[in-house]
Every structure is written in C-alpha cells, then in structure tokens.
Amino acid sequence: MPDDGSAQSTTIWPLPAFHFEVTIGTTGDLKGAFSEVTGLNSETQVIEYRHGNSPIYSPIKMPGITKVGNVTLKRGIFKSDNSFWDWYSSIQQNTIKRQNVVIALLDEKGATTMQWTLSNAWPTKFSGADLKTDGSEVAVHTIELAFETMAITNK
C-alpha cells in the first residue's frame, strides 16, 4: 500500500502558522478571525552571584524574575464592530476589565494542537486603520495587550 503522508504529518512536518484562533474573555466576547498575532515571548532575567569563599573567581548565574512582552493583535474592521475600541476606552483610573486571552494553533481539521493562555490581559494601545486613496488593502486595526503570565499547553 502506498504511503499517503498522513503518518508523516504528525511527526515530521511542523504546523503552519496561518491557522489559528483568538478568544478574549471567558465568554468569548471578542472571539474571531485575526490576521496577525505577534509578541508571544517570555524572558527570564539572570541573577549573578558570587559568595566570598568561592574557589571560582567568577559569579554563578541563577534564574531571576520572568517577564513577558506585550502581544499585538491585528484584525479586519467590520461594520458596526467597535469591540476593540470599547475595551480600550474603558481604561479609567485602574478600573480596566482584565481578560484572559487564549491563542490556539489549529491543525488541518480545526482542532487545537497548541494553546497560549495569557492571564489578566488589558489593552495598552489601540491603532486604527491606515487609510489611503490608492490602496487596495483591507482596513485593519491593531490592539496591543499587556498581560501578567503566559502558559503554553499542547492538546
């Protein structure tokens, strides 16, 4: 029987980055099709330490505080949909409604294979579409999110 490649697709080929889904909030208030997600990164600071009676004349390095960057989401503008702006404009005197954000990488059948969960996210920046008379692109707006922790799970 000839090999159809289905066994290879689970072990050899990496997943494409273009099939994903973003859900903001536990009820999926802002679930939808996004064109781009950037900034899924985490960094651990290095603490250098050397105790006084160490026979080695260089410091040891230990892990310190872990920091996460901001995530940027881009999506097309739809008629009568101001959900990004409404969330961003609700920032007043630290009363912002924080949301959990789930970014799911999907396989060819639409099932989640890997998932990034961002906890306590809130918008720090909103950018409207770049409008130009000679353009033929879709109108896209951008929101930048700050969050506290990131968890990665495989399904």
C-alpha atoms as a PDB file:
ATOM      1  CA  MET A   1       0.000   0.000   0.000  1.00  0.00           C
ATOM      2  CA  PRO A   2       1.499   3.385  -0.952  1.00  0.00           C
ATOM      3  CA  ASP A   3       2.358   5.936   1.740  1.00  0.00           C
ATOM      4  CA  ASP A   4      -0.141   8.824   1.673  1.00  0.00           C
ATOM      5  CA  GLY A   5       1.949  11.001   4.038  1.00  0.00           C
ATOM      6  CA  SER A   6      -0.602  11.027   6.866  1.00  0.00           C
ATOM      7  CA  ALA A   7       1.807   9.368   9.298  1.00  0.00           C
ATOM      8  CA  GLN A   8       4.497  11.900   8.454  1.00  0.00           C
ATOM      9  CA  SER A   9       2.244  14.885   9.076  1.00  0.00           C
ATOM     10  CA  THR A  10       2.142  14.169  12.828  1.00  0.00           C
ATOM     11  CA  THR A  11       5.871  13.550  13.275  1.00  0.00           C
ATOM     12  CA  ILE A  12       7.911  15.234  10.543  1.00  0.00           C
ATOM     13  CA  TRP A  13       6.131  18.348   9.307  1.00  0.00           C
ATOM     14  CA  PRO A  14       5.760  21.376  11.603  1.00  0.00           C
ATOM     15  CA  LEU A  15       2.399  23.089  11.905  1.00  0.00           C
ATOM     16  CA  PRO A  16       1.686  26.105   9.687  1.00  0.00           C
ATOM     17  CA  ALA A  17       1.427  29.454  11.465  1.00  0.00           C
ATOM     18  CA  PHE A  18      -1.556  30.735   9.472  1.00  0.00           C
ATOM     19  CA  HIS A  19      -4.342  28.606  11.037  1.00  0.00           C
ATOM     20  CA  PHE A  20      -5.121  29.992  14.486  1.00  0.00           C
ATOM     21  CA  GLU A  21      -7.937  31.359  16.597  1.00  0.00           C
ATOM     22  CA  VAL A  22      -8.007  34.016  19.335  1.00  0.00           C
ATOM     23  CA  THR A  23     -10.554  34.127  22.153  1.00  0.00           C
ATOM     24  CA  ILE A  24     -10.637  37.075  24.549  1.00  0.00           C
ATOM     25  CA  GLY A  25     -12.556  36.643  27.801  1.00  0.00           C
ATOM     26  CA  THR A  26     -14.140  33.595  29.375  1.00  0.00           C
ATOM     27  CA  THR A  27     -17.373  34.036  27.446  1.00  0.00           C
ATOM     28  CA  GLY A  28     -15.585  34.603  24.143  1.00  0.00           C
ATOM     29  CA  ASP A  29     -16.737  38.220  23.927  1.00  0.00           C
ATOM     30  CA  LEU A  30     -14.037  39.053  21.376  1.00  0.00           C
ATOM     31  CA  LYS A  31     -13.598  35.724  19.611  1.00  0.00           C
ATOM     32  CA  GLY A  32     -12.811  35.988  15.992  1.00  0.00           C
ATOM     33  CA  ALA A  33     -10.622  35.862  12.984  1.00  0.00           C
ATOM     34  CA  PHE A  34      -7.412  37.776  13.441  1.00  0.00           C
ATOM     35  CA  SER A  35      -4.902  38.346  10.683  1.00  0.00           C
ATOM     36  CA  GLU A  36      -1.824  38.514  12.889  1.00  0.00           C
ATOM     37  CA  VAL A  37      -0.619  37.794  16.428  1.00  0.00           C
ATOM     38  CA  THR A  38       2.883  38.905  17.422  1.00  0.00           C
ATOM     39  CA  GLY A  39       4.865  39.146  20.643  1.00  0.00           C
ATOM     40  CA  LEU A  40       4.336  35.750  22.253  1.00  0.00           C
ATOM     41  CA  ASN A  41       7.580  35.821  24.206  1.00  0.00           C
ATOM     42  CA  SER A  42       8.897  35.340  27.702  1.00  0.00           C
ATOM     43  CA  GLU A  43      12.294  36.209  29.165  1.00  0.00           C
ATOM     44  CA  THR A  44      13.929  35.288  32.464  1.00  0.00           C
ATOM     45  CA  GLN A  45      16.388  37.758  33.947  1.00  0.00           C
ATOM     46  CA  VAL A  46      19.776  36.458  35.039  1.00  0.00           C
ATOM     47  CA  ILE A  47      20.975  36.967  38.610  1.00  0.00           C
ATOM     48  CA  GLU A  48      24.746  36.851  39.007  1.00  0.00           C
ATOM     49  CA  TYR A  49      26.076  35.969  42.444  1.00  0.00           C
ATOM     50  CA  ARG A  50      29.427  35.056  43.935  1.00  0.00           C
ATOM     51  CA  HIS A  51      29.840  34.178  47.589  1.00  0.00           C
ATOM     52  CA  GLY A  52      33.000  35.363  49.304  1.00  0.00           C
ATOM     53  CA  ASN A  53      34.711  31.999  49.866  1.00  0.00           C
ATOM     54  CA  SER A  54      34.043  30.575  46.408  1.00  0.00           C
ATOM     55  CA  PRO A  55      37.105  28.903  44.902  1.00  0.00           C
ATOM     56  CA  ILE A  56      35.938  30.003  41.456  1.00  0.00           C
ATOM     57  CA  TYR A  57      36.643  33.649  40.634  1.00  0.00           C
ATOM     58  CA  SER A  58      33.511  34.203  38.614  1.00  0.00           C
ATOM     59  CA  PRO A  59      29.872  34.532  39.586  1.00  0.00           C
ATOM     60  CA  ILE A  60      27.313  31.790  39.312  1.00  0.00           C
ATOM     61  CA  LYS A  61      24.197  32.531  37.306  1.00  0.00           C
ATOM     62  CA  MET A  62      20.713  31.855  38.621  1.00  0.00           C
ATOM     63  CA  PRO A  63      17.276  32.436  37.118  1.00  0.00           C
ATOM     64  CA  GLY A  64      15.516  35.564  38.338  1.00  0.00           C
ATOM     65  CA  ILE A  65      12.219  37.247  37.564  1.00  0.00           C
ATOM     66  CA  THR A  66      10.432  36.163  34.416  1.00  0.00           C
ATOM     67  CA  LYS A  67       8.948  38.906  32.259  1.00  0.00           C
ATOM     68  CA  VAL A  68       6.556  38.630  29.349  1.00  0.00           C
ATOM     69  CA  GLY A  69       6.297  41.086  26.465  1.00  0.00           C
ATOM     70  CA  ASN A  70       3.187  42.710  25.065  1.00  0.00           C
ATOM     71  CA  VAL A  71       1.144  40.877  22.460  1.00  0.00           C
ATOM     72  CA  THR A  72      -0.160  42.668  19.377  1.00  0.00           C
ATOM     73  CA  LEU A  73      -3.370  41.525  17.690  1.00  0.00           C
ATOM     74  CA  LYS A  74      -4.491  42.663  14.234  1.00  0.00           C
ATOM     75  CA  ARG A  75      -7.829  42.078  12.619  1.00  0.00           C
ATOM     76  CA  GLY A  76     -10.003  43.477   9.885  1.00  0.00           C
ATOM     77  CA  ILE A  77     -12.533  46.186  10.615  1.00  0.00           C
ATOM     78  CA  PHE A  78     -16.135  45.059  10.348  1.00  0.00           C
ATOM     79  CA  LYS A  79     -19.173  47.276  10.061  1.00  0.00           C
ATOM     80  CA  SER A  80     -20.641  48.247  13.476  1.00  0.00           C
ATOM     81  CA  ASP A  81     -17.966  46.344  15.448  1.00  0.00           C
ATOM     82  CA  ASN A  82     -16.259  48.587  17.994  1.00  0.00           C
ATOM     83  CA  SER A  83     -15.348  45.858  20.484  1.00  0.00           C
ATOM     84  CA  PHE A  84     -11.591  46.657  20.458  1.00  0.00           C
ATOM     85  CA  TRP A  85     -12.225  50.364  20.952  1.00  0.00           C
ATOM     86  CA  ASP A  86     -14.840  49.772  23.646  1.00  0.00           C
ATOM     87  CA  TRP A  87     -12.424  47.596  25.632  1.00  0.00           C
ATOM     88  CA  TYR A  88      -9.562  50.077  25.198  1.00  0.00           C
ATOM     89  CA  SER A  89     -11.648  53.135  26.044  1.00  0.00           C
ATOM     90  CA  SER A  90     -12.828  51.549  29.308  1.00  0.00           C
ATOM     91  CA  ILE A  91      -9.433  52.301  30.913  1.00  0.00           C
ATOM     92  CA  GLN A  92     -10.103  54.763  33.727  1.00  0.00           C
ATOM     93  CA  GLN A  93      -8.180  55.070  36.983  1.00  0.00           C
ATOM     94  CA  ASN A  94      -7.086  51.403  37.029  1.00  0.00           C
ATOM     95  CA  THR A  95     -10.630  50.105  36.595  1.00  0.00           C
ATOM     96  CA  ILE A  96      -9.909  48.267  33.354  1.00  0.00           C
ATOM     97  CA  LYS A  97     -11.642  44.928  32.880  1.00  0.00           C
ATOM     98  CA  ARG A  98      -8.847  42.394  32.596  1.00  0.00           C
ATOM     99  CA  GLN A  99      -9.464  39.375  30.392  1.00  0.00           C
ATOM    100  CA  ASN A 100      -7.818  36.047  29.778  1.00  0.00           C
ATOM    101  CA  VAL A 101      -6.749  35.585  26.162  1.00  0.00           C
ATOM    102  CA  VAL A 102      -6.416  32.179  24.521  1.00  0.00           C
ATOM    103  CA  ILE A 103      -4.491  31.842  21.266  1.00  0.00           C
ATOM    104  CA  ALA A 104      -4.946  28.411  19.717  1.00  0.00           C
ATOM    105  CA  LEU A 105      -2.867  26.967  16.892  1.00  0.00           C
ATOM    106  CA  LEU A 106      -5.140  24.711  14.843  1.00  0.00           C
ATOM    107  CA  ASP A 107      -4.493  21.636  12.754  1.00  0.00           C
ATOM    108  CA  GLU A 108      -5.972  20.958   9.311  1.00  0.00           C
ATOM    109  CA  LYS A 109      -9.226  19.721  10.880  1.00  0.00           C
ATOM    110  CA  GLY A 110      -9.625  22.851  13.043  1.00  0.00           C
ATOM    111  CA  ALA A 111      -8.711  21.126  16.309  1.00  0.00           C
ATOM    112  CA  THR A 112      -6.434  22.886  18.806  1.00  0.00           C
ATOM    113  CA  THR A 113      -2.924  21.455  18.833  1.00  0.00           C
ATOM    114  CA  MET A 114      -1.130  24.095  20.890  1.00  0.00           C
ATOM    115  CA  GLN A 115      -2.511  26.869  23.045  1.00  0.00           C
ATOM    116  CA  TRP A 116      -1.104  30.030  24.635  1.00  0.00           C
ATOM    117  CA  THR A 117      -3.117  31.367  27.574  1.00  0.00           C
ATOM    118  CA  LEU A 118      -2.408  34.957  28.602  1.00  0.00           C
ATOM    119  CA  SER A 119      -3.752  35.853  32.035  1.00  0.00           C
ATOM    120  CA  ASN A 120      -5.110  39.224  33.147  1.00  0.00           C
ATOM    121  CA  ALA A 121      -4.618  40.938  29.786  1.00  0.00           C
ATOM    122  CA  TRP A 122      -5.652  44.534  29.150  1.00  0.00           C
ATOM    123  CA  PRO A 123      -5.176  46.865  26.192  1.00  0.00           C
ATOM    124  CA  THR A 124      -2.307  49.349  26.327  1.00  0.00           C
ATOM    125  CA  LYS A 125      -2.516  50.700  22.794  1.00  0.00           C
ATOM    126  CA  PHE A 126      -5.113  50.940  20.056  1.00  0.00           C
ATOM    127  CA  SER A 127      -4.306  51.811  16.429  1.00  0.00           C
ATOM    128  CA  GLY A 128      -6.903  52.436  13.773  1.00  0.00           C
ATOM    129  CA  ALA A 129      -6.530  51.548  10.125  1.00  0.00           C
ATOM    130  CA  ASP A 130      -4.136  53.306   7.777  1.00  0.00           C
ATOM    131  CA  LEU A 131      -6.362  54.873   5.155  1.00  0.00           C
ATOM    132  CA  LYS A 132      -5.139  55.855   1.687  1.00  0.00           C
ATOM    133  CA  THR A 133      -6.917  56.611  -1.537  1.00  0.00           C
ATOM    134  CA  ASP A 134      -4.694  54.472  -3.757  1.00  0.00           C
ATOM    135  CA  GLY A 135      -4.655  51.408  -1.504  1.00  0.00           C
ATOM    136  CA  SER A 136      -6.418  48.128  -2.096  1.00  0.00           C
ATOM    137  CA  GLU A 137      -5.826  46.523   1.301  1.00  0.00           C
ATOM    138  CA  VAL A 138      -8.424  45.552   3.866  1.00  0.00           C
ATOM    139  CA  ALA A 139      -8.877  48.055   6.712  1.00  0.00           C
ATOM    140  CA  VAL A 140      -7.130  46.580   9.768  1.00  0.00           C
ATOM    141  CA  HIS A 141      -6.969  47.857  13.324  1.00  0.00           C
ATOM    142  CA  THR A 142      -4.452  46.852  15.978  1.00  0.00           C
ATOM    143  CA  ILE A 143      -4.602  46.414  19.724  1.00  0.00           C
ATOM    144  CA  GLU A 144      -1.596  45.847  21.977  1.00  0.00           C
ATOM    145  CA  LEU A 145      -2.155  43.862  25.162  1.00  0.00           C
ATOM    146  CA  ALA A 146      -0.178  43.777  28.388  1.00  0.00           C
ATOM    147  CA  PHE A 147      -0.589  40.619  30.449  1.00  0.00           C
ATOM    148  CA  GLU A 148       0.850  39.057  33.584  1.00  0.00           C
ATOM    149  CA  THR A 149       1.635  35.408  32.834  1.00  0.00           C
ATOM    150  CA  MET A 150       1.685  33.068  29.853  1.00  0.00           C
ATOM    151  CA  ALA A 151       1.008  29.322  29.885  1.00  0.00           C
ATOM    152  CA  ILE A 152       1.598  27.039  26.910  1.00  0.00           C
ATOM    153  CA  THR A 153      -0.228  23.750  26.618  1.00  0.00           C
ATOM    154  CA  ASN A 154      -0.338  21.039  23.960  1.00  0.00           C
ATOM    155  CA  LYS A 155      -3.630  19.350  23.209  1.00  0.00           C
END
